[in-house]
Amino acid sequence: MTAVVVVAAVIERDDAFLLTLRPSGTHLEGHWEFPGGKVHVSETHPEALRRELFEELDIVAQVGAVLHRVTHAYPEKVVELHFYRCGFEGVPKPMMGQEMRWVPRAELAALPFPEADRDLVRLLSRG
């Protein structure tokens, strides 16, 4: 099974992280996630992340360093996730009907996240 390559933004402000909720009818619906999405064949990771954040949240991302990488096999697909520290310009707004919120570091571990995100959530929760 070929892995789906995904990039995600770890955006932190005032010791809180910008998260979105996976909408109903999608893979892993009802789980919180770091915003981002699939990398198209012709894109670099930063290009894909800037595109996804603009489409999903109407912000212009400044993509920083890779914070965490993981490959995870779900029963229905394999994902190769690349998490990048990001800054942004603009005011984030959920453009695709998804829920969005700033979650304090201390509350991260209490939220439902996809299995592939769990190591990163543990790392971020420790500060």
C-alpha atoms as a PDB file:
ATOM      1  CA  MET A   1       0.000   0.000   0.000  1.00  0.00           C
ATOM      2  CA  THR A   2       1.482   3.356  -1.040  1.00  0.00           C
ATOM      3  CA  ALA A   3       1.601   5.964   1.716  1.00  0.00           C
ATOM      4  CA  VAL A   4      -0.381   9.186   1.389  1.00  0.00           C
ATOM      5  CA  VAL A   5       2.042  12.060   2.049  1.00  0.00           C
ATOM      6  CA  VAL A   6       0.529  14.686   4.341  1.00  0.00           C
ATOM      7  CA  VAL A   7       1.902  17.940   5.763  1.00  0.00           C
ATOM      8  CA  ALA A   8       0.551  19.635   8.870  1.00  0.00           C
ATOM      9  CA  ALA A   9       1.192  22.940  10.615  1.00  0.00           C
ATOM     10  CA  VAL A  10       2.036  23.245  14.277  1.00  0.00           C
ATOM     11  CA  ILE A  11       0.992  26.826  14.967  1.00  0.00           C
ATOM     12  CA  GLU A  12       1.527  28.053  18.521  1.00  0.00           C
ATOM     13  CA  ARG A  13       0.404  31.321  20.114  1.00  0.00           C
ATOM     14  CA  ASP A  14       0.379  32.168  23.827  1.00  0.00           C
ATOM     15  CA  ASP A  15       1.046  28.520  24.773  1.00  0.00           C
ATOM     16  CA  ALA A  16      -1.972  27.335  22.724  1.00  0.00           C
ATOM     17  CA  PHE A  17      -2.122  25.473  19.405  1.00  0.00           C
ATOM     18  CA  LEU A  18      -4.391  26.075  16.406  1.00  0.00           C
ATOM     19  CA  LEU A  19      -6.392  22.908  15.727  1.00  0.00           C
ATOM     20  CA  THR A  20      -9.227  21.921  13.418  1.00  0.00           C
ATOM     21  CA  LEU A  21     -11.817  19.178  13.806  1.00  0.00           C
ATOM     22  CA  ARG A  22     -12.071  16.577  11.053  1.00  0.00           C
ATOM     23  CA  PRO A  23     -15.563  16.958   9.599  1.00  0.00           C
ATOM     24  CA  SER A  24     -18.261  14.329   9.400  1.00  0.00           C
ATOM     25  CA  GLY A  25     -17.894  11.998   6.423  1.00  0.00           C
ATOM     26  CA  THR A  26     -14.084  12.201   6.291  1.00  0.00           C
ATOM     27  CA  HIS A  27     -11.400   9.709   7.338  1.00  0.00           C
ATOM     28  CA  LEU A  28     -10.998   9.995  11.141  1.00  0.00           C
ATOM     29  CA  GLU A  29     -14.023  12.267  11.517  1.00  0.00           C
ATOM     30  CA  GLY A  30     -14.467  13.766  14.971  1.00  0.00           C
ATOM     31  CA  HIS A  31     -10.736  13.855  15.698  1.00  0.00           C
ATOM     32  CA  TRP A  32      -8.797  17.071  16.258  1.00  0.00           C
ATOM     33  CA  GLU A  33      -5.799  17.672  14.028  1.00  0.00           C
ATOM     34  CA  PHE A  34      -3.097  20.117  13.156  1.00  0.00           C
ATOM     35  CA  PRO A  35      -4.266  21.836   9.954  1.00  0.00           C
ATOM     36  CA  GLY A  36      -2.803  20.766   6.630  1.00  0.00           C
ATOM     37  CA  GLY A  37      -3.408  18.147   3.987  1.00  0.00           C
ATOM     38  CA  LYS A  38      -2.146  15.976   1.166  1.00  0.00           C
ATOM     39  CA  VAL A  39       0.910  16.883  -0.873  1.00  0.00           C
ATOM     40  CA  HIS A  40       0.256  16.928  -4.617  1.00  0.00           C
ATOM     41  CA  VAL A  41       2.817  15.222  -6.875  1.00  0.00           C
ATOM     42  CA  SER A  42       4.184  18.518  -8.241  1.00  0.00           C
ATOM     43  CA  GLU A  43       4.468  20.267  -4.832  1.00  0.00           C
ATOM     44  CA  THR A  44       7.170  20.641  -2.235  1.00  0.00           C
ATOM     45  CA  HIS A  45       6.091  20.250   1.386  1.00  0.00           C
ATOM     46  CA  PRO A  46       6.159  24.016   2.059  1.00  0.00           C
ATOM     47  CA  GLU A  47       4.138  24.711  -1.112  1.00  0.00           C
ATOM     48  CA  ALA A  48       1.526  22.143  -0.115  1.00  0.00           C
ATOM     49  CA  LEU A  49       1.293  23.473   3.422  1.00  0.00           C
ATOM     50  CA  ARG A  50       0.913  27.085   2.267  1.00  0.00           C
ATOM     51  CA  ARG A  51      -1.803  26.011  -0.203  1.00  0.00           C
ATOM     52  CA  GLU A  52      -3.693  23.936   2.360  1.00  0.00           C
ATOM     53  CA  LEU A  53      -3.600  26.627   5.062  1.00  0.00           C
ATOM     54  CA  PHE A  54      -4.807  29.251   2.606  1.00  0.00           C
ATOM     55  CA  GLU A  55      -7.662  27.002   1.387  1.00  0.00           C
ATOM     56  CA  GLU A  56      -8.691  25.790   4.852  1.00  0.00           C
ATOM     57  CA  LEU A  57      -8.059  28.839   7.051  1.00  0.00           C
ATOM     58  CA  ASP A  58      -7.536  31.820   4.720  1.00  0.00           C
ATOM     59  CA  ILE A  59      -4.055  32.536   6.117  1.00  0.00           C
ATOM     60  CA  VAL A  60      -0.649  32.959   4.515  1.00  0.00           C
ATOM     61  CA  ALA A  61       1.736  30.524   6.185  1.00  0.00           C
ATOM     62  CA  GLN A  62       5.413  30.930   6.931  1.00  0.00           C
ATOM     63  CA  VAL A  63       6.662  27.354   6.987  1.00  0.00           C
ATOM     64  CA  GLY A  64       9.484  26.674   9.416  1.00  0.00           C
ATOM     65  CA  ALA A  65      11.435  23.611  10.453  1.00  0.00           C
ATOM     66  CA  VAL A  66      10.188  20.042  10.550  1.00  0.00           C
ATOM     67  CA  LEU A  67       9.133  19.283  14.109  1.00  0.00           C
ATOM     68  CA  HIS A  68       8.106  15.635  13.779  1.00  0.00           C
ATOM     69  CA  ARG A  69       7.734  12.899  11.131  1.00  0.00           C
ATOM     70  CA  VAL A  70       5.802   9.659  11.339  1.00  0.00           C
ATOM     71  CA  THR A  71       4.504   6.929   9.050  1.00  0.00           C
ATOM     72  CA  HIS A  72       1.366   5.255  10.384  1.00  0.00           C
ATOM     73  CA  ALA A  73      -0.696   2.367   9.003  1.00  0.00           C
ATOM     74  CA  TYR A  74      -4.425   2.668   9.551  1.00  0.00           C
ATOM     75  CA  PRO A  75      -6.557  -0.300   8.433  1.00  0.00           C
ATOM     76  CA  GLU A  76      -7.738   1.621   5.353  1.00  0.00           C
ATOM     77  CA  LYS A  77      -4.570   3.585   4.433  1.00  0.00           C
ATOM     78  CA  VAL A  78      -0.972   4.389   5.283  1.00  0.00           C
ATOM     79  CA  VAL A  79      -0.073   8.019   5.960  1.00  0.00           C
ATOM     80  CA  GLU A  80       3.348   9.627   5.983  1.00  0.00           C
ATOM     81  CA  LEU A  81       2.968  12.772   8.103  1.00  0.00           C
ATOM     82  CA  HIS A  82       5.371  15.701   8.231  1.00  0.00           C
ATOM     83  CA  PHE A  83       4.652  18.288  10.938  1.00  0.00           C
ATOM     84  CA  TYR A  84       6.193  21.749  10.464  1.00  0.00           C
ATOM     85  CA  ARG A  85       6.378  24.677  12.856  1.00  0.00           C
ATOM     86  CA  CYS A  86       4.551  27.529  11.163  1.00  0.00           C
ATOM     87  CA  GLY A  87       3.778  31.183  11.586  1.00  0.00           C
ATOM     88  CA  PHE A  88       1.131  33.009   9.602  1.00  0.00           C
ATOM     89  CA  GLU A  89      -0.269  36.311   8.405  1.00  0.00           C
ATOM     90  CA  GLY A  90      -3.973  37.060   8.546  1.00  0.00           C
ATOM     91  CA  VAL A  91      -6.794  35.971  10.808  1.00  0.00           C
ATOM     92  CA  PRO A  92      -7.565  32.234  10.717  1.00  0.00           C
ATOM     93  CA  LYS A  93     -11.139  31.442   9.697  1.00  0.00           C
ATOM     94  CA  PRO A  94     -12.540  27.967   9.018  1.00  0.00           C
ATOM     95  CA  MET A  95     -13.271  28.140   5.268  1.00  0.00           C
ATOM     96  CA  MET A  96     -14.566  24.579   4.811  1.00  0.00           C
ATOM     97  CA  GLY A  97     -17.167  24.428   7.564  1.00  0.00           C
ATOM     98  CA  GLN A  98     -14.780  22.730   9.984  1.00  0.00           C
ATOM     99  CA  GLU A  99     -14.564  23.643  13.653  1.00  0.00           C
ATOM    100  CA  MET A 100     -11.383  25.484  14.628  1.00  0.00           C
ATOM    101  CA  ARG A 101      -9.999  26.483  18.001  1.00  0.00           C
ATOM    102  CA  TRP A 102      -6.905  27.485  19.939  1.00  0.00           C
ATOM    103  CA  VAL A 103      -6.183  24.733  22.454  1.00  0.00           C
ATOM    104  CA  PRO A 104      -3.971  25.395  25.491  1.00  0.00           C
ATOM    105  CA  ARG A 105      -0.966  23.086  25.830  1.00  0.00           C
ATOM    106  CA  ALA A 106      -2.369  21.626  29.079  1.00  0.00           C
ATOM    107  CA  GLU A 107      -5.571  20.510  27.283  1.00  0.00           C
ATOM    108  CA  LEU A 108      -4.001  18.828  24.220  1.00  0.00           C
ATOM    109  CA  ALA A 109      -3.777  15.334  25.714  1.00  0.00           C
ATOM    110  CA  ALA A 110      -7.478  15.349  26.663  1.00  0.00           C
ATOM    111  CA  LEU A 111      -8.684  15.734  23.048  1.00  0.00           C
ATOM    112  CA  PRO A 112      -9.245  12.903  20.560  1.00  0.00           C
ATOM    113  CA  PHE A 113      -6.425  12.935  17.986  1.00  0.00           C
ATOM    114  CA  PRO A 114      -5.662  10.483  15.183  1.00  0.00           C
ATOM    115  CA  GLU A 115      -3.293   7.710  16.296  1.00  0.00           C
ATOM    116  CA  ALA A 116      -0.565   9.076  14.014  1.00  0.00           C
ATOM    117  CA  ASP A 117      -0.533  12.380  15.957  1.00  0.00           C
ATOM    118  CA  ARG A 118      -0.164  10.885  19.444  1.00  0.00           C
ATOM    119  CA  ASP A 119       3.641  11.069  19.771  1.00  0.00           C
ATOM    120  CA  LEU A 120       3.616  14.712  18.676  1.00  0.00           C
ATOM    121  CA  VAL A 121       0.799  15.517  21.115  1.00  0.00           C
ATOM    122  CA  ARG A 122       2.814  13.948  23.948  1.00  0.00           C
ATOM    123  CA  LEU A 123       5.877  15.968  22.927  1.00  0.00           C
ATOM    124  CA  LEU A 124       3.937  19.247  22.756  1.00  0.00           C
ATOM    125  CA  SER A 125       2.095  18.569  26.011  1.00  0.00           C
ATOM    126  CA  ARG A 126       5.417  18.415  27.871  1.00  0.00           C
ATOM    127  CA  GLY A 127       6.396  21.822  26.559  1.00  0.00           C
END
